[in-house]
Amino acid sequence: MQSNSIDLKKATDAINDTLSDLQNKTENVDVIYRQLFEEAKEVAEQLDVEIKCPRIVSKQIHRANNQPAQSAEEYFRRAIYIPLLDSIISDLQDHLHNKVVEKFTKKKNPEDCFN
């Protein structure tokens, strides 16, 4: 999206396609993450690295969102993968919202968009 030759319509379409793909990954998180985790396990085995959950310190036991995971796969899906997807989707929606794009299409001088 940083290419000089890309136009605003193509950039908007690329953003919307990316958002759609990420939202699909969120909706099908169990299947998609299982495939991703299997690939990670293969790499970990090649490197002779054990995938395990980090230990839970006593302060974390009393947290409202602390539900012990049954496996390392479940732990990393809930603790890292899902929050990361949600954060990326939220950032894309907030920073590249259609209203921002509309401002750029209405202004002839890009600097006017910030005034």
Protein backbone atom coordinates (compact mmCIF):
# COMPACT_ATOMS: atom_id res chain seq x y z
CA MET A 1 0.00 0.00 0.00
CA GLN A 2 3.00 2.30 0.04
CA SER A 3 3.57 2.11 -3.70
CA ASN A 4 3.24 5.37 -5.61
CA SER A 5 1.31 3.67 -8.39
CA ILE A 6 -1.49 2.22 -6.24
CA ASP A 7 -4.69 4.22 -6.29
CA LEU A 8 -7.07 4.81 -3.41
CA LYS A 9 -9.66 2.32 -4.68
CA LYS A 10 -7.08 -0.48 -4.87
CA ALA A 11 -5.77 0.41 -1.41
CA THR A 12 -9.30 0.41 0.03
CA ASP A 13 -10.04 -2.94 -1.62
CA ALA A 14 -6.80 -4.38 -0.22
CA ILE A 15 -7.70 -3.18 3.28
CA ASN A 16 -11.22 -4.58 3.04
CA ASP A 17 -9.91 -7.92 1.71
CA THR A 18 -7.42 -8.08 4.58
CA LEU A 19 -10.13 -7.30 7.13
CA SER A 20 -12.39 -9.94 5.61
CA ASP A 21 -9.61 -12.53 5.72
CA LEU A 22 -8.77 -11.72 9.35
CA GLN A 23 -12.44 -11.83 10.38
CA ASN A 24 -12.74 -15.23 8.67
CA LYS A 25 -9.75 -16.42 10.70
CA THR A 26 -11.50 -15.22 13.86
CA GLU A 27 -14.74 -17.00 12.96
CA ASN A 28 -12.92 -20.26 12.17
CA VAL A 29 -10.28 -19.92 14.87
CA ASP A 30 -10.35 -23.55 16.01
CA VAL A 31 -9.64 -25.05 12.58
CA ILE A 32 -7.19 -22.41 11.40
CA TYR A 33 -5.24 -22.24 14.65
CA ARG A 34 -5.01 -26.04 14.85
CA GLN A 35 -3.28 -26.06 11.43
CA LEU A 36 -0.98 -23.22 12.47
CA PHE A 37 -0.12 -24.93 15.75
CA GLU A 38 0.65 -28.22 13.98
CA GLU A 39 3.14 -26.38 11.76
CA ALA A 40 4.67 -24.73 14.83
CA LYS A 41 4.96 -28.13 16.53
CA GLU A 42 6.82 -29.53 13.52
CA VAL A 43 9.30 -26.65 13.62
CA ALA A 44 9.68 -27.00 17.39
CA GLU A 45 10.39 -30.72 17.03
CA GLN A 46 13.04 -30.02 14.38
CA LEU A 47 14.67 -27.55 16.76
CA ASP A 48 14.24 -29.90 19.73
CA VAL A 49 12.10 -27.36 21.61
CA GLU A 50 9.26 -28.39 23.90
CA ILE A 51 6.04 -26.38 23.61
CA LYS A 52 4.49 -25.95 27.02
CA CYS A 53 2.32 -23.52 28.92
CA PRO A 54 4.10 -20.98 31.08
CA ARG A 55 3.66 -21.48 34.78
CA ILE A 56 0.89 -19.55 36.50
CA VAL A 57 2.06 -17.53 39.48
CA SER A 58 -0.17 -17.26 42.53
CA LYS A 59 -1.18 -13.66 41.74
CA GLN A 60 -2.68 -14.80 38.43
CA ILE A 61 -4.78 -17.52 39.99
CA HIS A 62 -7.27 -14.98 41.37
CA ARG A 63 -7.73 -13.07 38.10
CA ALA A 64 -11.20 -13.16 36.59
CA ASN A 65 -9.90 -14.10 33.13
CA ASN A 66 -7.68 -16.92 34.35
CA GLN A 67 -9.15 -20.17 33.10
CA PRO A 68 -6.52 -22.91 33.09
CA ALA A 69 -5.87 -24.27 29.62
CA GLN A 70 -6.06 -28.00 29.03
CA SER A 71 -3.14 -27.92 26.60
CA ALA A 72 -0.39 -25.67 25.28
CA GLU A 73 -2.34 -25.33 22.04
CA GLU A 74 -5.41 -24.03 23.89
CA TYR A 75 -3.32 -21.71 26.05
CA PHE A 76 -1.52 -20.04 23.13
CA ARG A 77 -4.75 -19.80 21.10
CA ARG A 78 -6.55 -17.99 23.93
CA ALA A 79 -3.63 -15.97 25.30
CA ILE A 80 -1.91 -14.88 22.08
CA TYR A 81 -3.58 -15.78 18.78
CA ILE A 82 -7.15 -14.57 19.41
CA PRO A 83 -6.15 -11.30 21.15
CA LEU A 84 -3.63 -10.60 18.37
CA LEU A 85 -6.24 -11.10 15.64
CA ASP A 86 -8.73 -8.92 17.52
CA SER A 87 -6.12 -6.19 17.98
CA ILE A 88 -5.10 -6.16 14.31
CA ILE A 89 -8.73 -6.04 13.15
CA SER A 90 -9.52 -3.24 15.59
CA ASP A 91 -6.47 -1.21 14.53
CA LEU A 92 -7.27 -1.59 10.83
CA GLN A 93 -10.88 -0.57 11.40
CA ASP A 94 -9.92 2.41 13.58
CA HIS A 95 -7.06 3.80 11.53
CA LEU A 96 -8.21 2.99 8.03
CA HIS A 97 -11.90 3.56 8.43
CA ASN A 98 -13.96 4.42 5.35
CA LYS A 99 -14.53 7.96 6.67
CA VAL A 100 -10.78 8.59 6.54
CA VAL A 101 -10.66 7.29 2.98
CA GLU A 102 -13.64 9.49 2.05
CA LYS A 103 -11.76 12.57 3.30
CA PHE A 104 -8.85 11.74 1.02
CA THR A 105 -11.10 11.34 -2.01
CA LYS A 106 -12.85 14.68 -1.42
CA LYS A 107 -9.71 16.76 -0.91
CA LYS A 108 -7.41 17.71 -3.74
CA ASN A 109 -4.52 18.53 -1.43
CA PRO A 110 -3.72 15.65 0.99
CA GLU A 111 -2.60 18.14 3.66
CA ASP A 112 -6.18 19.51 3.77
CA CYS A 113 -7.34 16.17 5.21
CA PHE A 114 -5.74 17.01 8.52
CA ASN A 115 -7.30 20.45 8.88
